[in-house]
Amino acid sequence: MCKEFIRNLNPDRVKKGAFAIHRKVGAFSTRWHRHRKHQLLYAEGGVLYFKTAQLTSVLPARFAA
């Protein structure tokens, strides 16, 4: 349910200036996409891998990107 929610979420349609989602998601990936609004990633535990058009990064626990 949480993974499906995140996949279908469109931050550009949220009327608030900022919002947060705090969920344990586990391993999953999404298709390439972009948003007009900025996005902040935070790994509370474990490791988060993410890719952009320019780089692939590893985000360790307790860090944000």
C-alpha atoms as a PDB file:
ATOM      1  CA  MET A   1       0.000   0.000   0.000  1.00  0.00           C
ATOM      2  CA  CYS A   2       2.738   2.503   0.930  1.00  0.00           C
ATOM      3  CA  LYS A   3       4.797   1.797  -2.194  1.00  0.00           C
ATOM      4  CA  GLU A   4       1.718   2.227  -4.396  1.00  0.00           C
ATOM      5  CA  PHE A   5       0.875   5.489  -2.603  1.00  0.00           C
ATOM      6  CA  ILE A   6       4.372   6.851  -3.207  1.00  0.00           C
ATOM      7  CA  ARG A   7       4.384   5.758  -6.859  1.00  0.00           C
ATOM      8  CA  ASN A   8       1.077   7.563  -7.467  1.00  0.00           C
ATOM      9  CA  LEU A   9       1.924  10.700  -5.485  1.00  0.00           C
ATOM     10  CA  ASN A  10       2.419  13.856  -7.537  1.00  0.00           C
ATOM     11  CA  PRO A  11       4.127  16.505  -5.343  1.00  0.00           C
ATOM     12  CA  ASP A  12       3.397  19.180  -7.944  1.00  0.00           C
ATOM     13  CA  ARG A  13      -0.339  18.826  -7.189  1.00  0.00           C
ATOM     14  CA  VAL A  14       0.067  19.370  -3.440  1.00  0.00           C
ATOM     15  CA  LYS A  15      -1.069  22.911  -2.641  1.00  0.00           C
ATOM     16  CA  LYS A  16       1.097  23.266   0.487  1.00  0.00           C
ATOM     17  CA  GLY A  17       4.607  24.678   0.142  1.00  0.00           C
ATOM     18  CA  ALA A  18       6.103  21.551   1.700  1.00  0.00           C
ATOM     19  CA  PHE A  19       5.024  18.174   3.037  1.00  0.00           C
ATOM     20  CA  ALA A  20       6.649  15.024   4.386  1.00  0.00           C
ATOM     21  CA  ILE A  21       6.014  11.311   4.175  1.00  0.00           C
ATOM     22  CA  HIS A  22       7.478   9.156   6.915  1.00  0.00           C
ATOM     23  CA  ARG A  23       7.054   5.471   6.121  1.00  0.00           C
ATOM     24  CA  LYS A  24       9.155   2.346   6.186  1.00  0.00           C
ATOM     25  CA  VAL A  25       9.052   1.420   2.524  1.00  0.00           C
ATOM     26  CA  GLY A  26      11.696  -1.239   1.968  1.00  0.00           C
ATOM     27  CA  ALA A  27      13.264  -1.857  -1.416  1.00  0.00           C
ATOM     28  CA  PHE A  28      11.447  -0.400  -4.401  1.00  0.00           C
ATOM     29  CA  SER A  29      12.120   1.702  -7.454  1.00  0.00           C
ATOM     30  CA  THR A  30      10.172   4.119  -9.612  1.00  0.00           C
ATOM     31  CA  ARG A  31      10.369   5.017 -13.265  1.00  0.00           C
ATOM     32  CA  TRP A  32      12.341   8.096 -14.294  1.00  0.00           C
ATOM     33  CA  HIS A  33      10.353  11.192 -13.424  1.00  0.00           C
ATOM     34  CA  ARG A  34      10.750  14.833 -12.488  1.00  0.00           C
ATOM     35  CA  HIS A  35       8.965  17.422 -10.375  1.00  0.00           C
ATOM     36  CA  ARG A  36       8.792  21.198 -10.527  1.00  0.00           C
ATOM     37  CA  LYS A  37       9.201  21.247  -6.734  1.00  0.00           C
ATOM     38  CA  HIS A  38      12.389  20.184  -4.968  1.00  0.00           C
ATOM     39  CA  GLN A  39      12.630  16.792  -3.316  1.00  0.00           C
ATOM     40  CA  LEU A  40      14.536  15.823  -0.160  1.00  0.00           C
ATOM     41  CA  LEU A  41      15.572  12.218   0.494  1.00  0.00           C
ATOM     42  CA  TYR A  42      16.393  10.959   3.978  1.00  0.00           C
ATOM     43  CA  ALA A  43      17.492   7.470   5.009  1.00  0.00           C
ATOM     44  CA  GLU A  44      16.466   6.894   8.624  1.00  0.00           C
ATOM     45  CA  GLY A  45      18.135   3.480   8.642  1.00  0.00           C
ATOM     46  CA  GLY A  46      19.988   1.275   6.207  1.00  0.00           C
ATOM     47  CA  VAL A  47      21.091   2.677   2.869  1.00  0.00           C
ATOM     48  CA  LEU A  48      19.256   4.509   0.114  1.00  0.00           C
ATOM     49  CA  TYR A  49      20.500   4.348  -3.492  1.00  0.00           C
ATOM     50  CA  PHE A  50      19.314   6.944  -5.961  1.00  0.00           C
ATOM     51  CA  LYS A  51      20.094   7.971  -9.520  1.00  0.00           C
ATOM     52  CA  THR A  52      19.812  11.252 -11.343  1.00  0.00           C
ATOM     53  CA  ALA A  53      20.639  12.021 -14.946  1.00  0.00           C
ATOM     54  CA  GLN A  54      24.144  13.046 -13.817  1.00  0.00           C
ATOM     55  CA  LEU A  55      25.072  10.551 -11.076  1.00  0.00           C
ATOM     56  CA  THR A  56      24.307   7.505  -8.968  1.00  0.00           C
ATOM     57  CA  SER A  57      24.639   8.005  -5.209  1.00  0.00           C
ATOM     58  CA  VAL A  58      24.500   6.072  -1.970  1.00  0.00           C
ATOM     59  CA  LEU A  59      22.823   7.800   0.951  1.00  0.00           C
ATOM     60  CA  PRO A  60      23.786   6.281   4.335  1.00  0.00           C
ATOM     61  CA  ALA A  61      21.484   6.275   7.345  1.00  0.00           C
ATOM     62  CA  ARG A  62      20.884   9.606   9.079  1.00  0.00           C
ATOM     63  CA  PHE A  63      21.945  11.669   6.056  1.00  0.00           C
ATOM     64  CA  ALA A  64      19.824  13.681   3.639  1.00  0.00           C
ATOM     65  CA  ALA A  65      20.259  14.627   0.003  1.00  0.00           C
END
